[in-house]
C-alpha atoms as a PDB file:
ATOM      1  CA  MET A   1      -0.036  -0.030   0.149  1.00  0.00           C
ATOM      2  CA  ARG A   2       2.754   2.237   1.027  1.00  0.00           C
ATOM      3  CA  PHE A   3       4.931   1.652  -2.256  1.00  0.00           C
ATOM      4  CA  LEU A   4       2.076   2.148  -4.522  1.00  0.00           C
ATOM      5  CA  LEU A   5       0.493   5.347  -2.744  1.00  0.00           C
ATOM      6  CA  ASP A   6       4.233   6.689  -3.154  1.00  0.00           C
ATOM      7  CA  PHE A   7       4.609   5.397  -6.681  1.00  0.00           C
ATOM      8  CA  PHE A   8       1.316   7.367  -7.442  1.00  0.00           C
ATOM      9  CA  LYS A   9       2.768  10.603  -6.034  1.00  0.00           C
ATOM     10  CA  GLY A  10       5.848   9.937  -8.135  1.00  0.00           C
ATOM     11  CA  LEU A  11       3.714   9.840 -11.245  1.00  0.00           C
ATOM     12  CA  LEU A  12       2.543  13.377 -10.741  1.00  0.00           C
ATOM     13  CA  LEU A  13       5.923  14.660  -9.487  1.00  0.00           C
ATOM     14  CA  GLY A  14       7.392  13.413 -12.745  1.00  0.00           C
ATOM     15  CA  SER A  15       4.271  14.808 -14.753  1.00  0.00           C
ATOM     16  CA  GLY A  16       4.752  18.086 -13.405  1.00  0.00           C
ATOM     17  CA  ALA A  17       8.303  18.339 -14.397  1.00  0.00           C
ATOM     18  CA  ILE A  18       7.122  18.242 -18.139  1.00  0.00           C
ATOM     19  CA  LEU A  19       3.779  20.108 -18.348  1.00  0.00           C
ATOM     20  CA  PRO A  20       3.494  23.816 -18.696  1.00  0.00           C
ATOM     21  CA  GLY A  21       1.784  25.593 -15.527  1.00  0.00           C
ATOM     22  CA  ILE A  22       2.235  22.573 -13.270  1.00  0.00           C
ATOM     23  CA  SER A  23       5.046  22.359 -10.712  1.00  0.00           C
ATOM     24  CA  SER A  24       6.521  19.322  -9.129  1.00  0.00           C
ATOM     25  CA  GLY A  25       7.031  21.298  -6.022  1.00  0.00           C
ATOM     26  CA  VAL A  26       3.487  21.822  -5.616  1.00  0.00           C
ATOM     27  CA  PHE A  27       2.656  18.393  -5.604  1.00  0.00           C
ATOM     28  CA  CYS A  28       5.422  17.519  -3.451  1.00  0.00           C
ATOM     29  CA  VAL A  29       3.839  20.147  -0.715  1.00  0.00           C
ATOM     30  CA  ILE A  30       0.110  19.038  -1.268  1.00  0.00           C
ATOM     31  CA  PHE A  31       0.964  15.387  -0.691  1.00  0.00           C
ATOM     32  CA  GLY A  32       2.858  16.249   2.243  1.00  0.00           C
ATOM     33  CA  ILE A  33       6.241  14.739   1.449  1.00  0.00           C
ATOM     34  CA  TYR A  34       8.268  18.132   0.582  1.00  0.00           C
ATOM     35  CA  GLU A  35      10.118  18.217   4.017  1.00  0.00           C
ATOM     36  CA  LYS A  36      10.776  14.670   4.080  1.00  0.00           C
ATOM     37  CA  LEU A  37      11.829  14.473   0.586  1.00  0.00           C
ATOM     38  CA  VAL A  38      14.502  17.287   0.977  1.00  0.00           C
ATOM     39  CA  ASP A  39      15.683  15.394   4.152  1.00  0.00           C
ATOM     40  CA  SER A  40      15.966  12.101   2.710  1.00  0.00           C
ATOM     41  CA  ILE A  41      17.625  13.233  -0.375  1.00  0.00           C
ATOM     42  CA  LEU A  42      20.411  15.166   1.429  1.00  0.00           C
ATOM     43  CA  ASN A  43      20.905  12.701   4.055  1.00  0.00           C
ATOM     44  CA  ILE A  44      20.529   9.288   2.249  1.00  0.00           C
ATOM     45  CA  PHE A  45      23.999   8.073   3.154  1.00  0.00           C
ATOM     46  CA  ASN A  46      23.295   8.755   6.792  1.00  0.00           C
ATOM     47  CA  ASP A  47      20.622   5.948   7.092  1.00  0.00           C
ATOM     48  CA  PHE A  48      20.637   4.438   3.551  1.00  0.00           C
ATOM     49  CA  LYS A  49      17.995   1.867   3.967  1.00  0.00           C
ATOM     50  CA  LYS A  50      15.469   3.989   5.405  1.00  0.00           C
ATOM     51  CA  HIS A  51      15.747   6.791   3.058  1.00  0.00           C
ATOM     52  CA  PHE A  52      16.099   4.783   0.031  1.00  0.00           C
ATOM     53  CA  SER A  53      12.941   2.928   0.553  1.00  0.00           C
ATOM     54  CA  PHE A  54      11.128   6.077   0.994  1.00  0.00           C
ATOM     55  CA  LEU A  55      12.704   7.598  -2.280  1.00  0.00           C
ATOM     56  CA  PHE A  56      12.816   4.563  -4.637  1.00  0.00           C
ATOM     57  CA  PRO A  57       9.017   4.493  -5.390  1.00  0.00           C
ATOM     58  CA  ILE A  58       8.655   8.282  -5.687  1.00  0.00           C
ATOM     59  CA  ALA A  59      11.789   8.193  -8.060  1.00  0.00           C
ATOM     60  CA  LEU A  60      10.185   5.220 -10.022  1.00  0.00           C
ATOM     61  CA  GLY A  61       6.810   7.005 -10.181  1.00  0.00           C
ATOM     62  CA  GLY A  62       8.553  10.084 -11.018  1.00  0.00           C
ATOM     63  CA  ILE A  63      10.441   8.361 -14.314  1.00  0.00           C
ATOM     64  CA  VAL A  64       7.335   6.728 -15.617  1.00  0.00           C
ATOM     65  CA  GLY A  65       5.505  10.009 -14.858  1.00  0.00           C
ATOM     66  CA  VAL A  66       7.956  11.756 -17.354  1.00  0.00           C
ATOM     67  CA  LEU A  67       8.179   9.167 -20.092  1.00  0.00           C
ATOM     68  CA  LEU A  68       4.254   8.246 -20.127  1.00  0.00           C
ATOM     69  CA  ILE A  69       1.712  10.124 -17.627  1.00  0.00           C
ATOM     70  CA  SER A  70       3.060  13.488 -18.905  1.00  0.00           C
ATOM     71  CA  LYS A  71       1.597  12.400 -22.447  1.00  0.00           C
ATOM     72  CA  LEU A  72      -1.656  11.423 -20.949  1.00  0.00           C
ATOM     73  CA  LEU A  73      -2.115  14.356 -19.004  1.00  0.00           C
ATOM     74  CA  LYS A  74      -1.052  16.583 -21.989  1.00  0.00           C
ATOM     75  CA  PHE A  75      -3.756  15.020 -23.962  1.00  0.00           C
ATOM     76  CA  LEU A  76      -6.175  15.615 -21.160  1.00  0.00           C
ATOM     77  CA  LEU A  77      -5.258  19.332 -20.876  1.00  0.00           C
ATOM     78  CA  THR A  78      -5.554  19.463 -24.734  1.00  0.00           C
ATOM     79  CA  ILE A  79      -8.862  17.775 -25.183  1.00  0.00           C
ATOM     80  CA  TYR A  80     -10.389  18.244 -21.797  1.00  0.00           C
ATOM     81  CA  PRO A  81      -8.868  21.341 -20.202  1.00  0.00           C
ATOM     82  CA  ILE A  82     -11.503  22.598 -17.957  1.00  0.00           C
ATOM     83  CA  PRO A  83     -12.190  19.371 -16.246  1.00  0.00           C
ATOM     84  CA  THR A  84      -8.584  18.496 -15.843  1.00  0.00           C
ATOM     85  CA  ASN A  85      -7.725  22.014 -14.586  1.00  0.00           C
ATOM     86  CA  PHE A  86     -10.455  21.982 -11.972  1.00  0.00           C
ATOM     87  CA  CYS A  87      -9.171  18.497 -10.838  1.00  0.00           C
ATOM     88  CA  PHE A  88      -5.682  20.171 -10.153  1.00  0.00           C
ATOM     89  CA  ILE A  89      -7.392  23.007  -8.387  1.00  0.00           C
ATOM     90  CA  GLY A  90      -9.204  20.439  -6.021  1.00  0.00           C
ATOM     91  CA  LEU A  91      -6.116  18.905  -5.153  1.00  0.00           C
ATOM     92  CA  ILE A  92      -4.570  22.140  -4.101  1.00  0.00           C
ATOM     93  CA  LEU A  93      -7.408  23.755  -2.393  1.00  0.00           C
ATOM     94  CA  GLY A  94      -8.011  20.632  -0.355  1.00  0.00           C
ATOM     95  CA  SER A  95      -4.731  20.532   0.928  1.00  0.00           C
ATOM     96  CA  LEU A  96      -4.683  24.244   2.171  1.00  0.00           C
ATOM     97  CA  PRO A  97      -5.688  23.488   5.588  1.00  0.00           C
ATOM     98  CA  ILE A  98      -3.168  21.028   6.287  1.00  0.00           C
ATOM     99  CA  LEU A  99      -0.587  23.130   4.854  1.00  0.00           C
ATOM    100  CA  PHE A 100      -1.467  26.269   7.344  1.00  0.00           C
ATOM    101  CA  LYS A 101      -1.670  23.721  10.183  1.00  0.00           C
ATOM    102  CA  ARG A 102       1.953  22.657   9.312  1.00  0.00           C
ATOM    103  CA  ALA A 103       3.156  26.235   9.029  1.00  0.00           C
ATOM    104  CA  ASN A 104       1.788  27.030  12.163  1.00  0.00           C
ATOM    105  CA  LYS A 105       2.809  24.086  14.311  1.00  0.00           C
ATOM    106  CA  LEU A 106       5.757  25.542  15.896  1.00  0.00           C
ATOM    107  CA  ASN A 107       5.147  28.842  17.015  1.00  0.00           C
ATOM    108  CA  GLY A 108       1.298  29.181  15.977  1.00  0.00           C
ATOM    109  CA  PHE A 109       0.152  32.133  13.407  1.00  0.00           C
ATOM    110  CA  ARG A 110       1.782  35.574  13.353  1.00  0.00           C
ATOM    111  CA  LEU A 111       0.120  38.238  11.345  1.00  0.00           C
ATOM    112  CA  HIS A 112       3.803  39.191   9.690  1.00  0.00           C
ATOM    113  CA  TYR A 113       3.792  35.872   8.040  1.00  0.00           C
ATOM    114  CA  LEU A 114       1.162  36.854   5.623  1.00  0.00           C
ATOM    115  CA  ILE A 115       3.816  39.222   4.258  1.00  0.00           C
ATOM    116  CA  TYR A 116       5.778  36.051   2.960  1.00  0.00           C
ATOM    117  CA  PHE A 117       2.573  34.535   1.846  1.00  0.00           C
ATOM    118  CA  LEU A 118       1.721  37.597  -0.049  1.00  0.00           C
ATOM    119  CA  PHE A 119       4.808  38.134  -1.604  1.00  0.00           C
ATOM    120  CA  THR A 120       5.375  34.672  -2.971  1.00  0.00           C
ATOM    121  CA  LEU A 121       1.534  34.651  -4.321  1.00  0.00           C
ATOM    122  CA  LEU A 122       2.061  37.735  -6.326  1.00  0.00           C
ATOM    123  CA  LEU A 123       5.604  36.153  -7.491  1.00  0.00           C
ATOM    124  CA  GLY A 124       4.299  32.872  -8.257  1.00  0.00           C
ATOM    125  CA  ILE A 125       1.504  34.396 -10.525  1.00  0.00           C
ATOM    126  CA  LEU A 126       3.859  36.515 -12.432  1.00  0.00           C
ATOM    127  CA  PHE A 127       6.200  33.619 -13.029  1.00  0.00           C
ATOM    128  CA  ILE A 128       3.371  31.122 -14.488  1.00  0.00           C
ATOM    129  CA  ARG A 129       1.809  33.979 -16.466  1.00  0.00           C
ATOM    130  CA  LEU A 130       5.321  34.442 -18.012  1.00  0.00           C
ATOM    131  CA  GLU A 131       4.782  30.900 -19.386  1.00  0.00           C
ATOM    132  CA  TYR A 132       2.197  31.630 -21.651  1.00  0.00           C
ATOM    133  CA  VAL A 133       3.472  34.704 -22.914  1.00  0.00           C
ATOM    134  CA  LEU A 134       7.420  33.258 -23.575  1.00  0.00           C
ATOM    135  CA  PRO A 135       6.723  30.870 -26.487  1.00  0.00           C
ATOM    136  CA  GLN A 136       5.360  33.738 -28.632  1.00  0.00           C
ATOM    137  CA  LEU A 137       8.625  35.898 -27.497  1.00  0.00           C
ATOM    138  CA  ILE A 138      11.331  33.396 -27.708  1.00  0.00           C
ATOM    139  CA  ASN A 139      11.855  30.898 -30.452  1.00  0.00           C
ATOM    140  CA  LEU A 140      15.490  29.638 -29.946  1.00  0.00           C
ATOM    141  CA  ASP A 141      16.949  26.297 -30.557  1.00  0.00           C
ATOM    142  CA  PHE A 142      20.560  25.696 -29.126  1.00  0.00           C
ATOM    143  CA  GLY A 143      20.632  22.297 -30.791  1.00  0.00           C
ATOM    144  CA  GLN A 144      22.431  19.216 -29.286  1.00  0.00           C
ATOM    145  CA  ASN A 145      26.238  20.395 -29.346  1.00  0.00           C
ATOM    146  CA  TYR A 146      26.012  23.013 -26.540  1.00  0.00           C
ATOM    147  CA  PHE A 147      26.902  20.525 -23.925  1.00  0.00           C
ATOM    148  CA  PHE A 148      27.875  23.048 -21.071  1.00  0.00           C
ATOM    149  CA  TYR A 149      24.603  25.259 -21.820  1.00  0.00           C
ATOM    150  CA  LEU A 150      22.745  22.165 -21.317  1.00  0.00           C
ATOM    151  CA  VAL A 151      24.301  21.463 -18.007  1.00  0.00           C
ATOM    152  CA  LEU A 152      23.443  25.116 -17.154  1.00  0.00           C
ATOM    153  CA  ALA A 153      19.896  24.816 -18.478  1.00  0.00           C
ATOM    154  CA  GLY A 154      19.590  21.453 -16.122  1.00  0.00           C
ATOM    155  CA  PHE A 155      21.031  23.434 -13.193  1.00  0.00           C
ATOM    156  CA  LEU A 156      18.489  26.326 -13.367  1.00  0.00           C
ATOM    157  CA  MET A 157      15.597  23.978 -14.260  1.00  0.00           C
ATOM    158  CA  SER A 158      16.249  22.336 -10.723  1.00  0.00           C
ATOM    159  CA  ILE A 159      14.943  25.518  -9.116  1.00  0.00           C
ATOM    160  CA  GLY A 160      11.255  24.573 -10.590  1.00  0.00           C
ATOM    161  CA  ILE A 161      11.641  21.153  -9.144  1.00  0.00           C
ATOM    162  CA  VAL A 162      12.884  22.319  -5.655  1.00  0.00           C
ATOM    163  CA  VAL A 163      10.483  25.450  -5.290  1.00  0.00           C
ATOM    164  CA  PRO A 164       7.003  24.936  -5.217  1.00  0.00           C
ATOM    165  CA  GLY A 165       5.075  27.160  -7.580  1.00  0.00           C
ATOM    166  CA  ILE A 166       8.030  27.947 -10.068  1.00  0.00           C
ATOM    167  CA  SER A 167       7.774  25.628 -13.036  1.00  0.00           C
ATOM    168  CA  SER A 168      10.601  24.159 -14.728  1.00  0.00           C
ATOM    169  CA  SER A 169       9.153  24.591 -18.266  1.00  0.00           C
ATOM    170  CA  LEU A 170       8.935  28.281 -17.693  1.00  0.00           C
ATOM    171  CA  ILE A 171      12.755  28.466 -16.803  1.00  0.00           C
ATOM    172  CA  LEU A 172      13.531  26.213 -20.025  1.00  0.00           C
ATOM    173  CA  MET A 173      11.441  28.717 -22.080  1.00  0.00           C
ATOM    174  CA  CYS A 174      13.641  31.409 -20.946  1.00  0.00           C
ATOM    175  CA  LEU A 175      16.470  29.645 -21.871  1.00  0.00           C
ATOM    176  CA  GLY A 176      15.126  29.028 -25.508  1.00  0.00           C
ATOM    177  CA  ILE A 177      15.321  25.258 -25.118  1.00  0.00           C
ATOM    178  CA  TYR A 178      11.900  24.011 -23.861  1.00  0.00           C
ATOM    179  CA  GLY A 179      11.066  22.624 -27.046  1.00  0.00           C
ATOM    180  CA  THR A 180      14.167  20.899 -27.547  1.00  0.00           C
ATOM    181  CA  TYR A 181      13.746  19.224 -24.017  1.00  0.00           C
ATOM    182  CA  ILE A 182      10.500  17.931 -24.606  1.00  0.00           C
ATOM    183  CA  SER A 183      11.275  16.505 -27.907  1.00  0.00           C
ATOM    184  CA  SER A 184      14.422  14.961 -26.354  1.00  0.00           C
ATOM    185  CA  VAL A 185      12.319  13.208 -23.794  1.00  0.00           C
ATOM    186  CA  ALA A 186       9.852  11.904 -26.200  1.00  0.00           C
ATOM    187  CA  SER A 187      13.044  10.380 -28.310  1.00  0.00           C
ATOM    188  CA  LEU A 188      15.316   9.816 -25.352  1.00  0.00           C
ATOM    189  CA  ASN A 189      17.859  11.632 -26.841  1.00  0.00           C
ATOM    190  CA  LEU A 190      20.441  11.198 -24.415  1.00  0.00           C
ATOM    191  CA  ALA A 191      22.940  13.682 -26.119  1.00  0.00           C
ATOM    192  CA  VAL A 192      20.428  16.336 -24.542  1.00  0.00           C
ATOM    193  CA  LEU A 193      19.040  14.347 -21.572  1.00  0.00           C
ATOM    194  CA  PHE A 194      22.527  13.510 -20.061  1.00  0.00           C
ATOM    195  CA  PRO A 195      24.003  16.957 -19.732  1.00  0.00           C
ATOM    196  CA  MET A 196      20.652  18.409 -18.468  1.00  0.00           C
ATOM    197  CA  GLY A 197      20.780  15.746 -16.188  1.00  0.00           C
ATOM    198  CA  ILE A 198      24.163  16.458 -14.614  1.00  0.00           C
ATOM    199  CA  GLY A 199      23.259  20.162 -14.253  1.00  0.00           C
ATOM    200  CA  LEU A 200      19.732  18.995 -12.618  1.00  0.00           C
ATOM    201  CA  VAL A 201      21.474  16.724 -10.022  1.00  0.00           C
ATOM    202  CA  LEU A 202      23.941  19.349  -8.991  1.00  0.00           C
ATOM    203  CA  GLY A 203      21.225  22.075  -8.985  1.00  0.00           C
ATOM    204  CA  CYS A 204      18.866  19.970  -6.855  1.00  0.00           C
ATOM    205  CA  ILE A 205      21.557  19.404  -4.076  1.00  0.00           C
ATOM    206  CA  ILE A 206      22.521  22.880  -3.802  1.00  0.00           C
ATOM    207  CA  PHE A 207      18.900  24.424  -3.905  1.00  0.00           C
ATOM    208  CA  LEU A 208      17.785  21.517  -1.531  1.00  0.00           C
ATOM    209  CA  LYS A 209      20.478  22.594   1.079  1.00  0.00           C
ATOM    210  CA  ILE A 210      19.194  26.299   0.736  1.00  0.00           C
ATOM    211  CA  ILE A 211      15.418  25.004   1.371  1.00  0.00           C
ATOM    212  CA  GLN A 212      16.619  22.694   4.221  1.00  0.00           C
ATOM    213  CA  PHE A 213      18.705  25.717   5.806  1.00  0.00           C
ATOM    214  CA  LEU A 214      15.609  27.968   5.577  1.00  0.00           C
ATOM    215  CA  LEU A 215      13.003  25.455   6.737  1.00  0.00           C
ATOM    216  CA  ASN A 216      15.533  24.712   9.834  1.00  0.00           C
ATOM    217  CA  LYS A 217      16.088  28.537  10.499  1.00  0.00           C
ATOM    218  CA  TYR A 218      12.879  30.431   9.345  1.00  0.00           C
ATOM    219  CA  TYR A 219      10.391  27.467   9.251  1.00  0.00           C
ATOM    220  CA  PRO A 220       7.113  29.363   9.533  1.00  0.00           C
ATOM    221  CA  GLN A 221       8.310  32.117   7.014  1.00  0.00           C
ATOM    222  CA  THR A 222       9.300  29.701   4.652  1.00  0.00           C
ATOM    223  CA  PHE A 223       6.265  27.700   4.948  1.00  0.00           C
ATOM    224  CA  TYR A 224       4.237  30.584   4.409  1.00  0.00           C
ATOM    225  CA  GLY A 225       6.143  31.615   1.523  1.00  0.00           C
ATOM    226  CA  ILE A 226       5.769  27.915  -0.050  1.00  0.00           C
ATOM    227  CA  ILE A 227       2.004  28.199   0.462  1.00  0.00           C
ATOM    228  CA  GLY A 228       1.771  31.607  -1.570  1.00  0.00           C
ATOM    229  CA  PHE A 229       3.414  29.927  -4.434  1.00  0.00           C
ATOM    230  CA  VAL A 230       1.321  26.827  -4.286  1.00  0.00           C
ATOM    231  CA  LEU A 231      -2.033  29.190  -3.898  1.00  0.00           C
ATOM    232  CA  GLY A 232      -0.580  31.182  -6.876  1.00  0.00           C
ATOM    233  CA  SER A 233      -0.852  28.264  -9.270  1.00  0.00           C
ATOM    234  CA  ILE A 234      -4.874  28.165  -8.716  1.00  0.00           C
ATOM    235  CA  LEU A 235      -5.215  31.718 -10.294  1.00  0.00           C
ATOM    236  CA  ILE A 236      -3.403  30.280 -13.366  1.00  0.00           C
ATOM    237  CA  LEU A 237      -4.812  26.952 -13.629  1.00  0.00           C
ATOM    238  CA  TYR A 238      -8.358  28.200 -13.533  1.00  0.00           C
ATOM    239  CA  PRO A 239      -9.779  27.874 -17.006  1.00  0.00           C
ATOM    240  CA  GLY A 240     -13.315  29.585 -16.747  1.00  0.00           C
ATOM    241  CA  PHE A 241     -16.626  27.666 -16.202  1.00  0.00           C
ATOM    242  CA  ASN A 242     -19.534  27.131 -18.365  1.00  0.00           C
ATOM    243  CA  PHE A 243     -23.029  25.739 -17.098  1.00  0.00           C
ATOM    244  CA  ASN A 244     -23.386  22.616 -19.143  1.00  0.00           C
ATOM    245  CA  LEU A 245     -22.370  18.866 -18.970  1.00  0.00           C
ATOM    246  CA  GLU A 246     -18.454  19.766 -18.998  1.00  0.00           C
ATOM    247  CA  GLY A 247     -19.100  22.166 -16.143  1.00  0.00           C
ATOM    248  CA  PHE A 248     -21.131  19.404 -14.196  1.00  0.00           C
ATOM    249  CA  VAL A 249     -18.090  16.889 -14.657  1.00  0.00           C
ATOM    250  CA  SER A 250     -15.586  19.551 -13.735  1.00  0.00           C
ATOM    251  CA  ILE A 251     -17.286  20.293 -10.526  1.00  0.00           C
ATOM    252  CA  ILE A 252     -17.666  16.572  -9.630  1.00  0.00           C
ATOM    253  CA  LEU A 253     -14.110  16.085 -10.317  1.00  0.00           C
ATOM    254  CA  PHE A 254     -12.992  18.994  -8.351  1.00  0.00           C
ATOM    255  CA  LEU A 255     -15.002  17.807  -5.401  1.00  0.00           C
ATOM    256  CA  LEU A 256     -13.653  14.227  -5.656  1.00  0.00           C
ATOM    257  CA  SER A 257     -10.130  15.554  -6.075  1.00  0.00           C
ATOM    258  CA  PHE A 258     -10.694  18.310  -3.041  1.00  0.00           C
ATOM    259  CA  PHE A 259     -11.757  15.381  -0.704  1.00  0.00           C
ATOM    260  CA  ILE A 260      -9.000  13.138  -1.412  1.00  0.00           C
ATOM    261  CA  SER A 261      -6.217  15.914  -0.907  1.00  0.00           C
ATOM    262  CA  PHE A 262      -8.048  16.731   2.423  1.00  0.00           C
ATOM    263  CA  LYS A 263      -8.262  13.331   3.328  1.00  0.00           C
ATOM    264  CA  LEU A 264      -4.809  12.533   2.329  1.00  0.00           C
ATOM    265  CA  GLU A 265      -3.185  13.246   5.710  1.00  0.00           C
ATOM    266  CA  LYS A 266      -5.127  10.638   7.517  1.00  0.00           C
ATOM    267  CA  ILE A 267      -4.342   8.318   4.744  1.00  0.00           C
ATOM    268  CA  GLU A 268      -0.605   9.002   5.310  1.00  0.00           C
ATOM    269  CA  ASN A 269      -1.274   8.515   9.050  1.00  0.00           C
ATOM    270  CA  LEU A 270      -2.691   4.949   8.567  1.00  0.00           C
ATOM    271  CA  ARG A 271       0.579   3.864   6.657  1.00  0.00           C
END
């Protein structure tokens, strides 16, 4: 049960690394594994068996998510964008009570924490909004021979994986290689994926250490900032609403995903 649940989480994390408008970090937060994931990756050799048993199903699901599930979600977002986006919105909104509970677990609520929340909320909206503008402004292809540039791209891409609400695809669009990356994943082009993978691993280690430091020293402020990024995703995902059959299905999917996300903490406690 635990393996399958973590594998499912990995599926969505992998998909979030591919699809525009969706962040892997957001899924980590709403599934309640963000802090544990940071700790397990950075301290894997301290207790290898324990951390590996946690990371393996998530990593396996992530690989499958990148290679397979992202194509399914891309199809759903193209053919059924409104119901699919409402499903994502339900997952995010359903997790908010748990997220605020975690943010306040050390010192309780402080009014000035809202400053961090509002700042990252606005920043997240700005970053993700750029994702829909950049493809019209940037049309570069650096090809497969720019090894060190691809390493740099992977390094910067890791920010979108580590920081919830900042999409990796946005960063790659800024660098002009999003199309190259997507086609390379589809064709398993290692000439592109290998150097990007090197940069991605290095970047994740560095930025995870920064996040770990912030959580250790400024836990509530950092967590309220994370919640701001997460909530900003909702305003971008909202596709509008029509009072028809599609709208009815969207509401059903929203309520279902909201309920699953809201009850996820209890499911976790049963494991």
